[in-house]
Amino acid sequence: MSVVISGIEKHSPAAKADIHPGDRLISINGNQIIDVLDYRFYMMEKKLKLELSSGGREKTVVIRKKDEYDDLGLLFDTYLMDKQRSCRNQCVFCFIDQMPPGMRETLYFKDDDARMSFLYGNYITLTNLSEHDIERTIKMKISPINVSVHTTNPELRCKMMHNRFAGDALKTLWRFAEAGISLNTQLVLCPGLNDGPELIQSFNDLKTLGKSLLTVSCVPVGLTKFRDGLFPLRPYTREEAGKTIDLIDRFGDEQFEKTGDRLFYAADEFYIKAERSIPDATFYGDFNQLENGVGVIALQRQQFVEAMEEFEADGRERNLTVATGVAAAPFIQKLVDEARKKWHNLNCKVIAVENRFFGENITVAGLITGKDLMEQVKGEAVGDRILIPTEMLRYQGDLFLDDVSIEEAEEALGLPLVPVEADGYEVLRNLLGEEC
């Protein structure tokens, strides 16, 4: 096994050695290099002996770095250095299976690559891990690992994930815990399937992971209108969402009494469905589950209040619009109302954009299409700009989910769109204008 070197960074340790684009990296200090994890782990030494293949001949290059953390400067065709691994499961709640045909091809890719968990915090199901992956993870002490558990009932997990190995894969959690690897876990909850008594059992099982267990987040299943032929699921009612929060908080309260850490958290969406107030920021500890929508509103609210103390009040008139999802709109409106107490000439209209594309059950801003935005905001917007959450756009910041470009939307709306990070400071800064 070897990986092709596609380029060399200028002035890097590799540039000063006898290494060229097209050479193949075989090993570092005798350790075979298969992918980015091997490369990053084994290059953390000051003295490195690289085995390479060049023009069909093998050669050895010794590199001495000033600091063990210095990068070698080798470039590869892909960041992972090989293909990204796709998901082998067919989860009954999988959002990708609920998308209509004809969307951007990359949106249909089901990721379940452990390396993406280690590098970017993606959640994995453990069903895609080989014994080599497990042993390497333990050897490298890669931590924390983010795991989609869903249930600790092996039979139910196999049923929910349509994978006969899904139950056995759970054993890896305890192997990692025994090795001292920290774990963030999530459960996508489906009414009548893995909540109630099943959720209680899952919580009790996860507690046996001991100090390795950092957090357990619970997220309500997201259901689009494109579910023909799929497993029968339904959304949570207000009453069911409230009972689920109570159960989660019961475990969280008990854990907080014992250790000072809650561990068990309900996603913000559960509180919105239950029509309950979001807890204060202190409730969420270190905010380890922001990517799962846990504590996002509380953190943003705290950041906004702190930013209000920093910015000076003035009498300047400001006119603008904020367009966001149905779930976040009431919260954003409260922030705007709070800001008006200090900036009396802030004229801001908050528009809740309904998700007509995926259906009314989808209320988060990150799944709003350009078409829905244009149709519902056109003629309703006020002021000289429209603020939108950055998560409405793909990571390059140029396209909505339906491939409508930000320029197309601006032309249709007749106003510039300003993407804003989900950060209270940035929200206030953009409400007040760049010059504040």
Protein backbone atom coordinates (compact mmCIF):
# COMPACT_ATOMS: atom_id res chain seq x y z
CA MET A 1 0.00 0.00 0.00
CA SER A 2 1.12 3.55 -0.74
CA VAL A 3 -0.36 6.97 -1.44
CA VAL A 4 0.53 9.27 -4.32
CA ILE A 5 2.06 12.65 -3.46
CA SER A 6 0.40 15.27 -5.66
CA GLY A 7 2.45 18.28 -4.63
CA ILE A 8 5.01 19.78 -2.27
CA GLU A 9 4.50 23.00 -0.28
CA LYS A 10 7.18 25.64 -0.88
CA HIS A 11 9.81 26.07 1.83
CA SER A 12 8.51 23.00 3.69
CA PRO A 13 10.73 20.20 5.11
CA ALA A 14 9.62 18.00 2.19
CA ALA A 15 10.63 20.67 -0.35
CA LYS A 16 14.18 20.58 0.99
CA ALA A 17 14.33 16.79 0.70
CA ASP A 18 14.51 14.55 -2.36
CA ILE A 19 10.73 14.24 -2.74
CA HIS A 20 8.75 15.09 -5.86
CA PRO A 21 5.12 15.14 -7.03
CA GLY A 22 4.23 11.69 -8.33
CA ASP A 23 6.33 9.89 -5.72
CA ARG A 24 4.43 7.37 -3.61
CA LEU A 25 4.67 7.50 0.18
CA ILE A 26 4.97 3.97 1.60
CA SER A 27 5.85 4.44 5.27
CA ILE A 28 7.07 6.84 7.96
CA ASN A 29 9.50 5.45 10.55
CA GLY A 30 8.54 1.95 9.49
CA ASN A 31 4.79 2.53 9.83
CA GLN A 32 2.69 1.95 6.72
CA ILE A 33 0.76 5.01 5.53
CA ILE A 34 -2.73 4.25 4.25
CA ASP A 35 -4.61 7.49 4.86
CA VAL A 36 -4.59 10.89 6.56
CA LEU A 37 -4.81 9.45 10.07
CA ASP A 38 -1.63 7.43 9.60
CA TYR A 39 0.10 10.41 8.02
CA ARG A 40 -0.83 12.86 10.78
CA PHE A 41 -0.03 10.46 13.60
CA TYR A 42 3.30 9.13 12.42
CA MET A 43 4.75 12.46 11.28
CA MET A 44 4.64 13.80 14.85
CA GLU A 45 8.35 13.20 15.41
CA LYS A 46 11.34 15.48 14.88
CA LYS A 47 13.28 12.83 12.96
CA LEU A 48 11.41 11.01 10.21
CA LYS A 49 12.52 8.26 7.87
CA LEU A 50 10.28 8.14 4.81
CA GLU A 51 10.13 5.14 2.51
CA LEU A 52 9.02 6.21 -0.96
CA SER A 53 8.58 4.77 -4.43
CA SER A 54 9.81 6.97 -7.29
CA GLY A 55 9.72 5.89 -10.91
CA GLY A 56 9.31 2.27 -9.89
CA ARG A 57 12.29 2.38 -7.52
CA GLU A 58 12.16 2.58 -3.75
CA LYS A 59 14.15 5.21 -1.90
CA THR A 60 14.64 6.40 1.68
CA VAL A 61 14.55 10.04 2.75
CA VAL A 62 15.42 11.28 6.25
CA ILE A 63 13.86 14.56 7.37
CA ARG A 64 14.65 16.45 10.55
CA LYS A 65 12.07 18.98 11.71
CA LYS A 66 12.61 21.86 14.12
CA ASP A 67 9.40 20.99 15.93
CA GLU A 68 7.49 17.72 16.05
CA TYR A 69 4.27 19.59 15.20
CA ASP A 70 5.67 21.03 11.95
CA ASP A 71 3.92 19.70 8.87
CA LEU A 72 6.03 17.84 6.33
CA GLY A 73 4.53 19.79 3.46
CA LEU A 74 3.30 16.84 1.40
CA LEU A 75 0.11 17.36 -0.61
CA PHE A 76 -2.32 14.67 -1.74
CA ASP A 77 -5.18 14.49 -4.25
CA THR A 78 -7.82 14.25 -1.50
CA TYR A 79 -7.76 15.34 2.11
CA LEU A 80 -8.40 11.79 3.37
CA MET A 81 -5.79 10.47 0.92
CA ASP A 82 -8.29 7.85 -0.26
CA LYS A 83 -12.03 7.57 -0.92
CA GLN A 84 -14.55 8.65 1.69
CA ARG A 85 -16.50 5.72 3.11
CA SER A 86 -20.25 5.70 2.59
CA CYS A 87 -22.88 4.42 5.00
CA ARG A 88 -23.85 0.73 4.92
CA ASN A 89 -27.06 1.25 6.86
CA GLN A 90 -30.60 2.01 5.74
CA CYS A 91 -31.90 3.77 8.82
CA VAL A 92 -35.68 4.12 9.00
CA PHE A 93 -35.30 7.84 9.76
CA CYS A 94 -32.52 8.63 7.24
CA PHE A 95 -33.07 12.15 5.91
CA ILE A 96 -31.29 11.44 2.64
CA ASP A 97 -33.85 8.74 1.81
CA GLN A 98 -36.52 11.41 2.26
CA MET A 99 -35.15 13.75 -0.40
CA PRO A 100 -36.72 14.00 -3.86
CA PRO A 101 -34.72 13.14 -6.99
CA GLY A 102 -33.03 15.81 -9.07
CA MET A 103 -31.08 17.60 -6.34
CA ARG A 104 -27.32 18.20 -6.24
CA GLU A 105 -25.52 14.85 -6.42
CA THR A 106 -23.36 15.45 -3.34
CA LEU A 107 -26.50 15.81 -1.19
CA TYR A 108 -27.26 12.12 -1.66
CA PHE A 109 -23.95 10.90 -0.26
CA LYS A 110 -24.39 9.03 3.03
CA ASP A 111 -21.29 9.57 5.14
CA ASP A 112 -20.25 7.04 7.80
CA ASP A 113 -16.49 7.52 7.77
CA ALA A 114 -14.79 7.29 11.16
CA ARG A 115 -11.97 9.52 9.93
CA MET A 116 -14.47 12.33 9.34
CA SER A 117 -15.58 11.88 12.94
CA PHE A 118 -12.03 12.25 14.19
CA LEU A 119 -11.20 15.19 11.93
CA TYR A 120 -14.47 17.13 11.71
CA GLY A 121 -16.74 15.78 14.44
CA ASN A 122 -19.09 13.85 12.15
CA TYR A 123 -21.20 11.19 13.84
CA ILE A 124 -20.63 7.53 12.95
CA THR A 125 -22.67 4.37 13.63
CA LEU A 126 -19.67 2.03 14.21
CA THR A 127 -21.02 -0.45 11.62
CA ASN A 128 -18.38 0.68 9.13
CA LEU A 129 -15.38 0.07 11.41
CA SER A 130 -13.01 -2.79 10.68
CA GLU A 131 -10.94 -4.44 13.40
CA HIS A 132 -7.97 -2.51 12.00
CA ASP A 133 -9.89 0.76 12.42
CA ILE A 134 -10.74 -0.07 16.02
CA GLU A 135 -7.22 -1.11 16.97
CA ARG A 136 -5.73 1.93 15.24
CA THR A 137 -8.13 4.26 17.04
CA ILE A 138 -7.14 2.77 20.39
CA LYS A 139 -3.43 2.89 19.54
CA MET A 140 -3.58 6.52 18.44
CA LYS A 141 -5.81 7.49 21.38
CA ILE A 142 -8.08 9.43 19.01
CA SER A 143 -10.62 11.22 21.17
CA PRO A 144 -13.40 12.17 21.42
CA ILE A 145 -15.38 9.98 19.04
CA ASN A 146 -18.93 10.98 18.11
CA VAL A 147 -21.29 8.02 17.81
CA SER A 148 -24.87 7.71 16.55
CA VAL A 149 -26.27 5.15 18.99
CA HIS A 150 -30.06 5.56 18.56
CA THR A 151 -30.69 2.63 20.93
CA THR A 152 -28.63 0.17 22.96
CA ASN A 153 -31.16 -2.62 22.31
CA PRO A 154 -29.26 -4.79 19.77
CA GLU A 155 -32.38 -6.17 18.08
CA LEU A 156 -34.06 -2.77 17.85
CA ARG A 157 -30.85 -1.19 16.54
CA CYS A 158 -30.67 -3.80 13.77
CA LYS A 159 -34.31 -3.08 12.92
CA MET A 160 -33.92 0.70 12.93
CA MET A 161 -30.73 0.64 10.88
CA HIS A 162 -31.60 -2.29 8.59
CA ASN A 163 -28.17 -3.76 9.30
CA ARG A 164 -27.78 -7.16 10.95
CA PHE A 165 -24.41 -6.11 12.37
CA ALA A 166 -25.72 -2.92 14.01
CA GLY A 167 -26.32 -4.58 17.38
CA ASP A 168 -22.90 -6.20 17.64
CA ALA A 169 -21.24 -2.94 16.56
CA LEU A 170 -22.34 -1.38 19.86
CA LYS A 171 -19.75 -3.49 21.70
CA THR A 172 -17.12 -1.16 20.23
CA LEU A 173 -18.39 1.61 22.52
CA TRP A 174 -17.22 -0.31 25.57
CA ARG A 175 -13.91 -1.23 23.94
CA PHE A 176 -13.26 2.45 23.34
CA ALA A 177 -14.32 3.34 26.88
CA GLU A 178 -11.98 0.73 28.37
CA ALA A 179 -9.16 2.28 26.32
CA GLY A 180 -9.89 5.70 27.84
CA ILE A 181 -11.39 7.20 24.69
CA SER A 182 -14.07 9.86 25.28
CA LEU A 183 -17.45 9.53 23.59
CA ASN A 184 -20.20 11.92 22.54
CA THR A 185 -23.36 10.04 21.64
CA GLN A 186 -26.63 10.90 19.94
CA LEU A 187 -30.02 9.25 19.62
CA VAL A 188 -32.48 10.21 16.89
CA LEU A 189 -35.78 9.56 18.63
CA CYS A 190 -38.82 8.22 16.81
CA PRO A 191 -42.19 8.23 18.64
CA GLY A 192 -43.15 4.75 19.85
CA LEU A 193 -39.96 3.16 18.56
CA ASN A 194 -36.86 4.03 20.60
CA ASP A 195 -38.25 6.47 23.16
CA GLY A 196 -40.12 5.76 26.42
CA PRO A 197 -38.97 2.51 28.11
CA GLU A 198 -36.43 1.86 25.33
CA LEU A 199 -34.87 5.27 25.94
CA ILE A 200 -34.65 4.61 29.68
CA GLN A 201 -32.81 1.35 28.98
CA SER A 202 -30.48 3.08 26.51
CA PHE A 203 -29.64 5.76 29.08
CA ASN A 204 -28.94 3.18 31.78
CA ASP A 205 -26.71 1.20 29.41
CA LEU A 206 -24.79 4.29 28.29
CA LYS A 207 -24.14 5.28 31.91
CA THR A 208 -22.02 2.13 32.26
CA LEU A 209 -19.47 3.71 29.91
CA GLY A 210 -18.37 5.67 32.96
CA LYS A 211 -16.08 8.66 32.67
CA SER A 212 -15.60 8.07 28.93
CA LEU A 213 -19.18 9.21 28.30
CA LEU A 214 -19.10 12.97 27.70
CA THR A 215 -22.64 13.63 26.45
CA VAL A 216 -25.85 12.00 25.29
CA SER A 217 -28.01 14.13 23.00
CA CYS A 218 -31.54 13.33 21.90
CA VAL A 219 -32.86 14.73 18.63
CA PRO A 220 -36.44 14.37 17.32
CA VAL A 221 -36.77 12.60 13.99
CA GLY A 222 -37.04 14.93 10.99
CA LEU A 223 -39.72 13.91 8.50
CA THR A 224 -40.19 15.36 5.01
CA LYS A 225 -43.21 14.95 2.76
CA PHE A 226 -41.24 12.54 0.55
CA ARG A 227 -41.80 9.32 2.54
CA ASP A 228 -43.74 7.12 0.13
CA GLY A 229 -42.73 3.48 0.61
CA LEU A 230 -40.63 4.21 3.69
CA PHE A 231 -40.98 2.93 7.26
CA PRO A 232 -44.10 4.46 8.89
CA LEU A 233 -42.97 7.24 11.20
CA ARG A 234 -44.70 10.34 12.56
CA PRO A 235 -43.51 13.55 14.22
CA TYR A 236 -43.68 14.25 17.95
CA THR A 237 -46.77 15.95 19.34
CA ARG A 238 -46.41 18.82 21.80
CA GLU A 239 -47.35 16.55 24.72
CA GLU A 240 -44.97 13.77 23.65
CA ALA A 241 -42.11 16.21 23.23
CA GLY A 242 -42.73 17.54 26.73
CA LYS A 243 -42.73 14.05 28.26
CA THR A 244 -39.51 13.22 26.43
CA ILE A 245 -37.83 16.36 27.79
CA ASP A 246 -38.97 15.41 31.30
CA LEU A 247 -37.43 11.95 30.95
CA ILE A 248 -34.15 13.31 29.59
CA ASP A 249 -33.98 15.98 32.29
CA ARG A 250 -34.64 13.39 35.00
CA PHE A 251 -31.51 11.52 33.99
CA GLY A 252 -29.63 14.78 33.51
CA ASP A 253 -30.59 16.04 36.96
CA GLU A 254 -29.53 12.77 38.61
CA GLN A 255 -26.20 12.83 36.82
CA PHE A 256 -25.61 16.48 37.70
CA GLU A 257 -26.24 15.72 41.38
CA LYS A 258 -23.64 12.93 41.29
CA THR A 259 -20.90 14.37 39.09
CA GLY A 260 -21.61 18.02 38.32
CA ASP A 261 -22.13 17.16 34.62
CA ARG A 262 -25.59 16.70 33.12
CA LEU A 263 -24.52 14.34 30.29
CA PHE A 264 -28.11 13.93 29.02
CA TYR A 265 -29.56 16.69 26.83
CA ALA A 266 -32.60 17.29 24.64
CA ALA A 267 -32.07 19.17 21.39
CA ASP A 268 -33.49 22.68 21.13
CA GLU A 269 -36.05 21.35 18.67
CA PHE A 270 -37.69 19.28 21.42
CA TYR A 271 -38.27 22.45 23.47
CA ILE A 272 -39.69 24.22 20.42
CA LYS A 273 -42.05 21.30 19.71
CA ALA A 274 -43.10 21.20 23.36
CA GLU A 275 -43.53 25.00 23.38
CA ARG A 276 -41.23 25.27 26.39
CA SER A 277 -38.57 27.83 27.23
CA ILE A 278 -34.97 26.99 26.35
CA PRO A 279 -32.76 26.63 29.47
CA ASP A 280 -30.05 29.20 30.21
CA ALA A 281 -26.52 28.79 28.86
CA THR A 282 -25.22 27.47 32.20
CA PHE A 283 -27.43 24.40 31.72
CA TYR A 284 -25.34 23.19 28.77
CA GLY A 285 -21.88 22.97 30.32
CA ASP A 286 -19.20 23.04 27.62
CA PHE A 287 -21.72 22.97 24.72
CA ASN A 288 -20.33 19.69 23.35
CA GLN A 289 -23.44 19.01 21.27
CA LEU A 290 -23.94 22.23 19.30
CA GLU A 291 -23.71 20.31 16.01
CA ASN A 292 -26.80 18.36 17.10
CA GLY A 293 -28.75 21.50 17.87
CA VAL A 294 -28.28 21.21 21.63
CA GLY A 295 -27.88 24.56 23.38
CA VAL A 296 -27.56 26.59 20.18
CA ILE A 297 -30.28 29.05 21.16
CA ALA A 298 -29.01 29.43 24.73
CA LEU A 299 -25.47 30.14 23.58
CA GLN A 300 -26.60 32.60 20.92
CA ARG A 301 -28.78 34.40 23.46
CA GLN A 302 -25.88 34.71 25.90
CA GLN A 303 -23.54 35.98 23.17
CA PHE A 304 -26.14 38.52 22.06
CA VAL A 305 -26.63 39.90 25.58
CA GLU A 306 -22.87 40.21 26.09
CA ALA A 307 -22.50 41.95 22.72
CA MET A 308 -25.20 44.46 23.66
CA GLU A 309 -23.04 45.63 26.54
CA GLU A 310 -20.07 46.09 24.22
CA PHE A 311 -21.70 48.15 21.46
CA GLU A 312 -22.54 51.80 22.10
CA ALA A 313 -26.07 53.09 21.69
CA ASP A 314 -26.73 55.75 19.06
CA GLY A 315 -29.67 57.35 17.33
CA ARG A 316 -28.85 56.16 13.82
CA GLU A 317 -31.77 54.70 11.90
CA ARG A 318 -31.40 51.13 10.67
CA ASN A 319 -33.82 49.36 8.32
CA LEU A 320 -33.46 45.70 7.40
CA THR A 321 -35.07 42.26 7.27
CA VAL A 322 -34.14 38.92 8.80
CA ALA A 323 -35.32 35.75 7.05
CA THR A 324 -34.97 32.46 8.90
CA GLY A 325 -36.72 29.16 9.56
CA VAL A 326 -40.01 28.77 11.39
CA ALA A 327 -38.28 27.25 14.43
CA ALA A 328 -35.81 30.10 14.95
CA ALA A 329 -38.02 33.04 13.97
CA PRO A 330 -39.66 33.64 17.39
CA PHE A 331 -36.25 33.52 19.07
CA ILE A 332 -34.74 35.99 16.58
CA GLN A 333 -37.75 38.26 17.08
CA LYS A 334 -37.03 38.31 20.83
CA LEU A 335 -33.42 39.30 20.16
CA VAL A 336 -34.54 42.11 17.86
CA ASP A 337 -37.03 43.33 20.47
CA GLU A 338 -34.28 43.30 23.10
CA ALA A 339 -31.94 45.28 20.82
CA ARG A 340 -34.65 47.90 20.22
CA LYS A 341 -34.55 48.80 23.92
CA LYS A 342 -31.07 50.22 23.36
CA TRP A 343 -31.18 51.13 19.66
CA HIS A 344 -34.60 52.78 19.39
CA ASN A 345 -34.35 53.43 15.65
CA LEU A 346 -33.75 49.79 14.74
CA ASN A 347 -36.46 48.86 12.24
CA CYS A 348 -36.15 45.14 11.58
CA LYS A 349 -38.76 42.78 10.18
CA VAL A 350 -38.35 39.07 10.97
CA ILE A 351 -39.82 36.71 8.37
CA ALA A 352 -40.40 33.02 9.17
CA VAL A 353 -39.88 31.08 5.94
CA GLU A 354 -42.05 27.96 5.76
CA ASN A 355 -40.49 24.89 4.20
CA ARG A 356 -42.82 24.18 1.29
CA PHE A 357 -40.15 22.13 -0.47
CA PHE A 358 -39.63 19.45 2.21
CA GLY A 359 -42.90 19.98 4.05
CA GLU A 360 -44.17 21.78 7.13
CA ASN A 361 -42.56 19.32 9.57
CA ILE A 362 -39.12 20.65 8.58
CA THR A 363 -38.66 23.95 10.40
CA VAL A 364 -34.88 24.47 10.63
CA ALA A 365 -33.24 27.26 8.64
CA GLY A 366 -30.55 25.01 7.17
CA LEU A 367 -33.06 23.16 4.98
CA ILE A 368 -34.75 26.16 3.38
CA THR A 369 -34.42 26.31 -0.40
CA GLY A 370 -33.71 29.37 -2.48
CA LYS A 371 -37.11 29.10 -4.12
CA ASP A 372 -38.96 29.10 -0.80
CA LEU A 373 -36.92 32.09 0.35
CA MET A 374 -37.59 34.08 -2.81
CA GLU A 375 -41.31 33.30 -2.97
CA GLN A 376 -42.03 34.14 0.66
CA VAL A 377 -39.72 37.11 1.19
CA LYS A 378 -40.35 38.92 -2.10
CA GLY A 379 -42.60 41.90 -1.49
CA GLU A 380 -42.41 41.39 2.28
CA ALA A 381 -38.86 42.53 2.99
CA VAL A 382 -38.11 46.00 4.29
CA GLY A 383 -34.95 48.07 4.53
CA ASP A 384 -31.70 47.91 2.64
CA ARG A 385 -30.60 44.30 3.22
CA ILE A 386 -31.80 40.84 4.20
CA LEU A 387 -29.94 38.81 6.82
CA ILE A 388 -30.04 35.03 6.42
CA PRO A 389 -28.34 32.25 8.44
CA THR A 390 -25.16 30.92 6.83
CA GLU A 391 -26.52 27.37 7.16
CA MET A 392 -29.03 28.12 4.38
CA LEU A 393 -26.07 27.96 1.99
CA ARG A 394 -23.57 25.21 1.29
CA TYR A 395 -20.18 25.64 2.93
CA GLN A 396 -18.76 27.67 0.02
CA GLY A 397 -21.49 30.23 0.71
CA ASP A 398 -22.78 30.39 -2.86
CA LEU A 399 -25.72 27.99 -3.35
CA PHE A 400 -28.95 27.05 -1.60
CA LEU A 401 -30.06 23.39 -1.40
CA ASP A 402 -31.95 23.66 -4.70
CA ASP A 403 -28.88 25.10 -6.50
CA VAL A 404 -30.31 28.62 -6.55
CA SER A 405 -27.32 30.94 -6.28
CA ILE A 406 -27.17 33.78 -3.79
CA GLU A 407 -26.89 36.18 -6.77
CA GLU A 408 -30.12 34.80 -8.29
CA ALA A 409 -31.94 35.25 -5.00
CA GLU A 410 -30.62 38.81 -4.62
CA GLU A 411 -31.77 39.70 -8.12
CA ALA A 412 -35.24 38.28 -7.48
CA LEU A 413 -35.59 40.05 -4.13
CA GLY A 414 -33.99 43.31 -5.18
CA LEU A 415 -31.91 43.47 -2.01
CA PRO A 416 -28.51 42.13 -0.98
CA LEU A 417 -28.46 38.96 1.12
CA VAL A 418 -26.09 38.95 4.09
CA PRO A 419 -25.25 35.47 5.45
CA VAL A 420 -24.76 35.60 9.24
CA GLU A 421 -23.12 32.99 11.47
CA ALA A 422 -25.17 31.46 14.30
CA ASP A 423 -23.31 33.61 16.79
CA GLY A 424 -25.05 36.19 18.97
CA TYR A 425 -22.24 38.70 18.53
CA GLU A 426 -22.46 38.41 14.73
CA VAL A 427 -26.24 38.66 14.78
CA LEU A 428 -26.12 41.96 16.68
CA ARG A 429 -23.21 43.30 14.63
CA ASN A 430 -25.15 42.69 11.42
CA LEU A 431 -28.38 44.08 12.83
CA LEU A 432 -26.56 47.30 13.63
CA GLY A 433 -24.44 47.36 10.48
CA GLU A 434 -20.78 46.76 9.66
CA GLU A 435 -19.75 50.21 10.86
CA CYS A 436 -20.92 49.72 14.44
